[in-house]
C-alpha atoms as a PDB file:
ATOM      1  CA  MET A   1    -118.804 -12.241 161.229  1.00  0.00           C
ATOM      2  CA  THR A   2    -115.868 -14.306 158.754  1.00  0.00           C
ATOM      3  CA  LEU A   3    -115.361 -14.509 155.460  1.00  0.00           C
ATOM      4  CA  ASN A   4    -116.046 -17.976 155.132  1.00  0.00           C
ATOM      5  CA  ASN A   5    -119.243 -17.306 157.169  1.00  0.00           C
ATOM      6  CA  ARG A   6    -120.527 -15.140 155.010  1.00  0.00           C
ATOM      7  CA  LEU A   7    -119.663 -17.039 151.943  1.00  0.00           C
ATOM      8  CA  GLN A   8    -121.555 -20.030 153.658  1.00  0.00           C
ATOM      9  CA  LYS A   9    -124.393 -17.810 154.070  1.00  0.00           C
ATOM     10  CA  THR A  10    -124.461 -16.009 150.647  1.00  0.00           C
ATOM     11  CA  SER A  11    -124.201 -19.390 148.822  1.00  0.00           C
ATOM     12  CA  ILE A  12    -127.214 -21.053 150.673  1.00  0.00           C
ATOM     13  CA  LEU A  13    -129.126 -17.897 150.475  1.00  0.00           C
ATOM     14  CA  VAL A  14    -128.372 -18.302 146.018  1.00  0.00           C
ATOM     15  CA  LEU A  15    -129.179 -21.644 145.942  1.00  0.00           C
ATOM     16  CA  ALA A  16    -132.100 -21.475 147.937  1.00  0.00           C
ATOM     17  CA  LEU A  17    -133.181 -18.805 145.364  1.00  0.00           C
ATOM     18  CA  MET A  18    -132.112 -21.057 142.271  1.00  0.00           C
ATOM     19  CA  CYS A  19    -134.313 -24.271 143.765  1.00  0.00           C
ATOM     20  CA  PHE A  20    -136.920 -21.723 144.371  1.00  0.00           C
ATOM     21  CA  SER A  21    -137.052 -20.471 140.462  1.00  0.00           C
ATOM     22  CA  PHE A  22    -136.139 -23.597 139.307  1.00  0.00           C
ATOM     23  CA  GLY A  23    -139.348 -25.149 140.962  1.00  0.00           C
ATOM     24  CA  PHE A  24    -141.716 -22.146 139.836  1.00  0.00           C
ATOM     25  CA  ALA A  25    -140.231 -22.776 136.217  1.00  0.00           C
ATOM     26  CA  GLN A  26    -140.857 -26.620 136.267  1.00  0.00           C
ATOM     27  CA  LYS A  27    -144.518 -25.649 137.276  1.00  0.00           C
ATOM     28  CA  ALA A  28    -144.727 -22.831 134.840  1.00  0.00           C
ATOM     29  CA  THR A  29    -143.651 -25.006 131.995  1.00  0.00           C
ATOM     30  CA  ASN A  30    -147.117 -26.520 131.093  1.00  0.00           C
ATOM     31  CA  GLU A  31    -149.100 -22.950 131.495  1.00  0.00           C
ATOM     32  CA  ILE A  32    -148.404 -21.688 127.956  1.00  0.00           C
ATOM     33  CA  LYS A  33    -147.260 -23.623 125.010  1.00  0.00           C
ATOM     34  CA  ALA A  34    -147.236 -23.438 121.113  1.00  0.00           C
ATOM     35  CA  GLN A  35    -147.720 -26.347 118.863  1.00  0.00           C
ATOM     36  CA  ILE A  36    -146.905 -27.129 115.048  1.00  0.00           C
ATOM     37  CA  ALA A  37    -147.994 -30.215 112.959  1.00  0.00           C
ATOM     38  CA  ILE A  38    -148.078 -30.986 109.795  1.00  0.00           C
ATOM     39  CA  GLY A  39    -150.055 -34.206 108.318  1.00  0.00           C
ATOM     40  CA  VAL A  40    -152.508 -35.466 105.918  1.00  0.00           C
ATOM     41  CA  ASN A  41    -156.626 -35.381 105.675  1.00  0.00           C
ATOM     42  CA  SER A  42    -159.743 -37.146 104.348  1.00  0.00           C
ATOM     43  CA  PRO A  43    -162.714 -35.226 103.551  1.00  0.00           C
ATOM     44  CA  SER A  44    -165.780 -37.102 103.494  1.00  0.00           C
ATOM     45  CA  GLN A  45    -167.306 -37.655  99.892  1.00  0.00           C
ATOM     46  CA  SER A  46    -170.471 -36.479 100.997  1.00  0.00           C
ATOM     47  CA  GLY A  47    -169.401 -32.844 100.907  1.00  0.00           C
ATOM     48  CA  PHE A  48    -169.210 -32.555  97.350  1.00  0.00           C
ATOM     49  CA  VAL A  49    -171.579 -32.608  94.450  1.00  0.00           C
ATOM     50  CA  ASP A  50    -171.960 -35.330  91.779  1.00  0.00           C
ATOM     51  CA  GLY A  51    -169.120 -35.518  89.366  1.00  0.00           C
ATOM     52  CA  PHE A  52    -166.392 -34.128  92.286  1.00  0.00           C
ATOM     53  CA  GLN A  53    -164.830 -36.750  94.329  1.00  0.00           C
ATOM     54  CA  ALA A  54    -161.522 -36.004  96.371  1.00  0.00           C
ATOM     55  CA  LYS A  55    -158.634 -38.775  97.148  1.00  0.00           C
ATOM     56  CA  SER A  56    -159.389 -40.224 100.264  1.00  0.00           C
ATOM     57  CA  ILE A  57    -155.658 -39.268 101.651  1.00  0.00           C
ATOM     58  CA  ASN A  58    -154.692 -35.562 100.614  1.00  0.00           C
ATOM     59  CA  PHE A  59    -151.498 -33.548 101.927  1.00  0.00           C
ATOM     60  CA  PRO A  60    -150.833 -31.031 103.205  1.00  0.00           C
ATOM     61  CA  THR A  61    -152.836 -30.500 106.490  1.00  0.00           C
ATOM     62  CA  VAL A  62    -150.662 -27.822 108.899  1.00  0.00           C
ATOM     63  CA  ASN A  63    -151.846 -26.964 112.010  1.00  0.00           C
ATOM     64  CA  LEU A  64    -150.817 -24.124 114.599  1.00  0.00           C
ATOM     65  CA  GLY A  65    -152.092 -23.206 117.921  1.00  0.00           C
ATOM     66  CA  VAL A  66    -151.662 -21.812 121.322  1.00  0.00           C
ATOM     67  CA  GLN A  67    -152.533 -23.512 124.455  1.00  0.00           C
ATOM     68  CA  TYR A  68    -153.497 -22.219 128.088  1.00  0.00           C
ATOM     69  CA  MET A  69    -153.700 -24.618 130.985  1.00  0.00           C
ATOM     70  CA  PHE A  70    -156.118 -22.924 133.478  1.00  0.00           C
ATOM     71  CA  LYS A  71    -155.088 -26.256 135.677  1.00  0.00           C
ATOM     72  CA  ARG A  72    -153.102 -29.296 135.567  1.00  0.00           C
ATOM     73  CA  GLN A  73    -155.779 -31.001 133.742  1.00  0.00           C
ATOM     74  CA  PHE A  74    -157.881 -28.328 132.098  1.00  0.00           C
ATOM     75  CA  GLY A  75    -157.230 -25.757 129.264  1.00  0.00           C
ATOM     76  CA  ALA A  76    -158.106 -23.829 126.017  1.00  0.00           C
ATOM     77  CA  LYS A  77    -156.430 -23.307 123.270  1.00  0.00           C
ATOM     78  CA  LEU A  78    -156.902 -21.368 120.105  1.00  0.00           C
ATOM     79  CA  ASP A  79    -155.936 -23.164 116.752  1.00  0.00           C
ATOM     80  CA  PHE A  80    -155.692 -22.663 112.961  1.00  0.00           C
ATOM     81  CA  GLY A  81    -155.400 -25.342 110.545  1.00  0.00           C
ATOM     82  CA  PHE A  82    -154.514 -25.503 106.516  1.00  0.00           C
ATOM     83  CA  ASN A  83    -155.634 -28.325 104.539  1.00  0.00           C
ATOM     84  CA  ARG A  84    -155.542 -29.110 100.799  1.00  0.00           C
ATOM     85  CA  PHE A  85    -157.113 -31.499  98.887  1.00  0.00           C
ATOM     86  CA  SER A  86    -157.542 -32.485  95.099  1.00  0.00           C
ATOM     87  CA  SER A  87    -159.657 -34.846  92.945  1.00  0.00           C
ATOM     88  CA  GLY A  88    -159.622 -38.631  92.598  1.00  0.00           C
ATOM     89  CA  ASP A  89    -159.105 -41.077  89.965  1.00  0.00           C
ATOM     90  CA  ASN A  90    -162.913 -40.540  88.844  1.00  0.00           C
ATOM     91  CA  SER A  91    -163.517 -37.286  89.101  1.00  0.00           C
ATOM     92  CA  ILE A  92    -163.239 -33.649  87.426  1.00  0.00           C
ATOM     93  CA  ASP A  93    -160.186 -32.064  88.089  1.00  0.00           C
ATOM     94  CA  PHE A  94    -159.901 -29.502  91.013  1.00  0.00           C
ATOM     95  CA  LYS A  95    -157.851 -28.398  93.612  1.00  0.00           C
ATOM     96  CA  THR A  96    -159.709 -26.961  97.180  1.00  0.00           C
ATOM     97  CA  ASN A  97    -158.269 -25.410 100.279  1.00  0.00           C
ATOM     98  CA  TYR A  98    -159.634 -25.817 103.396  1.00  0.00           C
ATOM     99  CA  THR A  99    -158.841 -23.331 106.194  1.00  0.00           C
ATOM    100  CA  ARG A 100    -160.640 -23.234 109.670  1.00  0.00           C
ATOM    101  CA  ILE A 101    -160.009 -21.768 113.249  1.00  0.00           C
ATOM    102  CA  ASN A 102    -161.104 -23.181 116.223  1.00  0.00           C
ATOM    103  CA  ALA A 103    -161.295 -22.464 119.926  1.00  0.00           C
ATOM    104  CA  GLN A 104    -161.094 -25.794 122.012  1.00  0.00           C
ATOM    105  CA  PHE A 105    -161.411 -26.705 125.307  1.00  0.00           C
ATOM    106  CA  VAL A 106    -158.572 -29.291 126.673  1.00  0.00           C
ATOM    107  CA  TYR A 107    -158.422 -31.655 128.925  1.00  0.00           C
ATOM    108  CA  ASP A 108    -155.182 -33.892 129.982  1.00  0.00           C
ATOM    109  CA  PRO A 109    -156.212 -37.117 132.027  1.00  0.00           C
ATOM    110  CA  THR A 110    -152.620 -38.338 132.026  1.00  0.00           C
ATOM    111  CA  GLU A 111    -151.952 -38.266 135.669  1.00  0.00           C
ATOM    112  CA  SER A 112    -155.313 -40.518 136.306  1.00  0.00           C
ATOM    113  CA  ILE A 113    -153.712 -42.946 133.603  1.00  0.00           C
ATOM    114  CA  THR A 114    -151.820 -44.849 136.102  1.00  0.00           C
ATOM    115  CA  PHE A 115    -150.457 -47.558 133.328  1.00  0.00           C
ATOM    116  CA  LEU A 116    -148.944 -44.654 130.792  1.00  0.00           C
ATOM    117  CA  PRO A 117    -145.100 -44.952 130.901  1.00  0.00           C
ATOM    118  CA  PRO A 118    -143.317 -41.836 132.317  1.00  0.00           C
ATOM    119  CA  ARG A 119    -143.126 -39.977 128.751  1.00  0.00           C
ATOM    120  CA  LEU A 120    -146.100 -40.449 127.511  1.00  0.00           C
ATOM    121  CA  GLY A 121    -149.163 -38.146 127.832  1.00  0.00           C
ATOM    122  CA  LEU A 122    -152.669 -37.715 126.385  1.00  0.00           C
ATOM    123  CA  LEU A 123    -154.756 -34.964 125.561  1.00  0.00           C
ATOM    124  CA  GLY A 124    -158.084 -34.233 124.235  1.00  0.00           C
ATOM    125  CA  HIS A 125    -159.669 -31.359 122.946  1.00  0.00           C
ATOM    126  CA  ALA A 126    -163.058 -30.213 121.413  1.00  0.00           C
ATOM    127  CA  GLY A 127    -164.551 -27.139 120.325  1.00  0.00           C
ATOM    128  CA  PRO A 128    -166.304 -24.873 117.808  1.00  0.00           C
ATOM    129  CA  GLY A 129    -164.720 -22.840 114.829  1.00  0.00           C
ATOM    130  CA  PHE A 130    -165.175 -21.514 111.645  1.00  0.00           C
ATOM    131  CA  SER A 131    -164.431 -23.261 108.179  1.00  0.00           C
ATOM    132  CA  MET A 132    -163.554 -21.329 105.059  1.00  0.00           C
ATOM    133  CA  VAL A 133    -163.581 -23.154 101.840  1.00  0.00           C
ATOM    134  CA  LYS A 134    -161.617 -21.940  98.543  1.00  0.00           C
ATOM    135  CA  PRO A 135    -161.254 -23.842  95.317  1.00  0.00           C
ATOM    136  CA  LEU A 136    -158.893 -22.977  93.015  1.00  0.00           C
ATOM    137  CA  GLY A 137    -158.246 -22.974  89.343  1.00  0.00           C
ATOM    138  CA  SER A 138    -161.379 -22.814  87.156  1.00  0.00           C
ATOM    139  CA  PHE A 139    -164.028 -22.838  90.299  1.00  0.00           C
ATOM    140  CA  GLY A 140    -162.352 -20.016  92.168  1.00  0.00           C
ATOM    141  CA  ASP A 141    -165.476 -18.341  92.612  1.00  0.00           C
ATOM    142  CA  ASN A 142    -167.382 -21.015  94.370  1.00  0.00           C
ATOM    143  CA  LYS A 143    -166.053 -20.440  97.784  1.00  0.00           C
ATOM    144  CA  THR A 144    -168.010 -20.862 100.907  1.00  0.00           C
ATOM    145  CA  SER A 145    -167.597 -20.817 104.395  1.00  0.00           C
ATOM    146  CA  PHE A 146    -169.896 -22.163 107.551  1.00  0.00           C
ATOM    147  CA  LEU A 147    -169.259 -23.371 111.165  1.00  0.00           C
ATOM    148  CA  ASN A 148    -167.703 -26.750 112.633  1.00  0.00           C
ATOM    149  CA  LEU A 149    -167.337 -28.335 115.602  1.00  0.00           C
ATOM    150  CA  MET A 150    -164.061 -30.101 115.809  1.00  0.00           C
ATOM    151  CA  ALA A 151    -162.703 -33.007 118.302  1.00  0.00           C
ATOM    152  CA  GLY A 152    -159.652 -34.843 118.586  1.00  0.00           C
ATOM    153  CA  LEU A 153    -157.065 -37.035 120.880  1.00  0.00           C
ATOM    154  CA  GLU A 154    -153.292 -36.376 121.193  1.00  0.00           C
ATOM    155  CA  ILE A 155    -150.601 -38.465 121.920  1.00  0.00           C
ATOM    156  CA  HIS A 156    -147.051 -36.775 123.325  1.00  0.00           C
ATOM    157  CA  TYR A 157    -144.071 -38.027 124.003  1.00  0.00           C
ATOM    158  CA  ALA A 158    -141.758 -35.558 126.162  1.00  0.00           C
ATOM    159  CA  MET A 159    -138.292 -35.136 124.889  1.00  0.00           C
ATOM    160  CA  SER A 160    -137.642 -32.344 127.882  1.00  0.00           C
ATOM    161  CA  GLU A 161    -139.582 -30.421 130.322  1.00  0.00           C
ATOM    162  CA  TYR A 162    -139.912 -27.752 127.561  1.00  0.00           C
ATOM    163  CA  MET A 163    -140.711 -29.840 124.443  1.00  0.00           C
ATOM    164  CA  SER A 164    -142.561 -32.994 123.320  1.00  0.00           C
ATOM    165  CA  LEU A 165    -143.678 -34.606 120.044  1.00  0.00           C
ATOM    166  CA  TYR A 166    -146.980 -35.581 119.281  1.00  0.00           C
ATOM    167  CA  THR A 167    -149.220 -37.086 117.088  1.00  0.00           C
ATOM    168  CA  ASP A 168    -153.069 -35.774 116.489  1.00  0.00           C
ATOM    169  CA  VAL A 169    -156.038 -37.408 115.412  1.00  0.00           C
ATOM    170  CA  SER A 170    -158.948 -34.848 115.063  1.00  0.00           C
ATOM    171  CA  TYR A 171    -162.189 -34.999 113.330  1.00  0.00           C
ATOM    172  CA  ILE A 172    -164.257 -31.730 111.979  1.00  0.00           C
ATOM    173  CA  VAL A 173    -168.021 -31.857 111.729  1.00  0.00           C
ATOM    174  CA  GLY A 174    -169.009 -29.037 108.975  1.00  0.00           C
ATOM    175  CA  PHE A 175    -172.506 -27.330 109.221  1.00  0.00           C
ATOM    176  CA  GLY A 176    -172.387 -26.424 105.646  1.00  0.00           C
ATOM    177  CA  GLY A 177    -175.745 -25.876 103.944  1.00  0.00           C
ATOM    178  CA  ASP A 178    -176.607 -27.261 100.442  1.00  0.00           C
ATOM    179  CA  PHE A 179    -175.247 -26.072  97.338  1.00  0.00           C
ATOM    180  CA  ASP A 180    -178.083 -24.061  95.479  1.00  0.00           C
ATOM    181  CA  PRO A 181    -177.627 -24.110  92.575  1.00  0.00           C
ATOM    182  CA  ILE A 182    -175.503 -27.141  92.548  1.00  0.00           C
ATOM    183  CA  THR A 183    -172.670 -25.453  90.209  1.00  0.00           C
ATOM    184  CA  GLU A 184    -171.775 -23.446  93.284  1.00  0.00           C
ATOM    185  CA  GLY A 185    -170.371 -26.784  94.375  1.00  0.00           C
ATOM    186  CA  PHE A 186    -168.376 -27.337  91.727  1.00  0.00           C
ATOM    187  CA  GLY A 187    -164.880 -27.726  93.380  1.00  0.00           C
ATOM    188  CA  SER A 188    -166.237 -26.591  96.649  1.00  0.00           C
ATOM    189  CA  PHE A 189    -167.118 -28.814  99.984  1.00  0.00           C
ATOM    190  CA  ASN A 190    -169.169 -28.401 102.456  1.00  0.00           C
ATOM    191  CA  GLY A 191    -168.708 -31.612 104.623  1.00  0.00           C
ATOM    192  CA  ASN A 192    -167.000 -33.482 107.338  1.00  0.00           C
ATOM    193  CA  LEU A 193    -163.023 -33.361 107.289  1.00  0.00           C
ATOM    194  CA  MET A 194    -160.369 -35.820 109.370  1.00  0.00           C
ATOM    195  CA  THR A 195    -157.089 -34.889 109.802  1.00  0.00           C
ATOM    196  CA  ILE A 196    -153.932 -36.909 111.025  1.00  0.00           C
ATOM    197  CA  SER A 197    -150.496 -34.838 111.816  1.00  0.00           C
ATOM    198  CA  PHE A 198    -147.562 -35.101 113.650  1.00  0.00           C
ATOM    199  CA  GLY A 199    -145.803 -32.122 115.038  1.00  0.00           C
ATOM    200  CA  ILE A 200    -143.829 -30.585 118.165  1.00  0.00           C
ATOM    201  CA  THR A 201    -145.021 -28.722 120.989  1.00  0.00           C
ATOM    202  CA  PHE A 202    -142.842 -26.268 123.281  1.00  0.00           C
ATOM    203  CA  SER A 203    -143.205 -24.049 126.180  1.00  0.00           C
ATOM    204  CA  LEU A 204    -143.490 -20.447 125.957  1.00  0.00           C
ATOM    205  CA  SER A 205    -143.990 -19.834 129.863  1.00  0.00           C
ATOM    206  CA  GLY A 206    -141.153 -21.032 132.734  1.00  0.00           C
ATOM    207  CA  CYS A 207    -138.300 -21.541 130.116  1.00  0.00           C
ATOM    208  CA  LYS A 208    -135.808 -19.177 131.206  1.00  0.00           C
ATOM    209  CA  TYR A 209    -133.202 -21.677 130.736  1.00  0.00           C
ATOM    210  CA  CYS A 210    -134.125 -23.679 127.463  1.00  0.00           C
END
């Protein structure tokens, strides 16, 4: 066998391996992803006791998550959220931290929505979680925690095979009990929360050549 023939066969073999590896990497990029987002929140006013009302729009909301797709359309994610809201104009002064952790099911209907532009995608998520509320300052002893149920919709714009920018609109239903006595609710919160955030999602799998 001549040297040229050997080089040709070696080149073909290398190209075949590269194509196989690249094809596998493309499929793997959607398997495991991380998400980071920041935005605003709006707590339901019914979650406060008399004399306490929050601003309708509060900053910040910070969301961190890891998502795993079992199939092209179905998956799950574990995510953490931190929110802070503070008193409105006609309220006793307060600031409150609202922290949550949720395990959610994920559904990606993008392929079945034919009218979406090529780089745009949708993703729905919903699942149970646990909320922890901690007032700051003078009302710091009025901590509370309760179960929640979260649902939301994400709109993604793909920047590359491995990264996309996205916005998420979510609603968190709280299953907190009534404050008894009422003084335990000073600065605290046991209601629902709406969040709007903007962030980035990036692949943690199949990203060998990022």
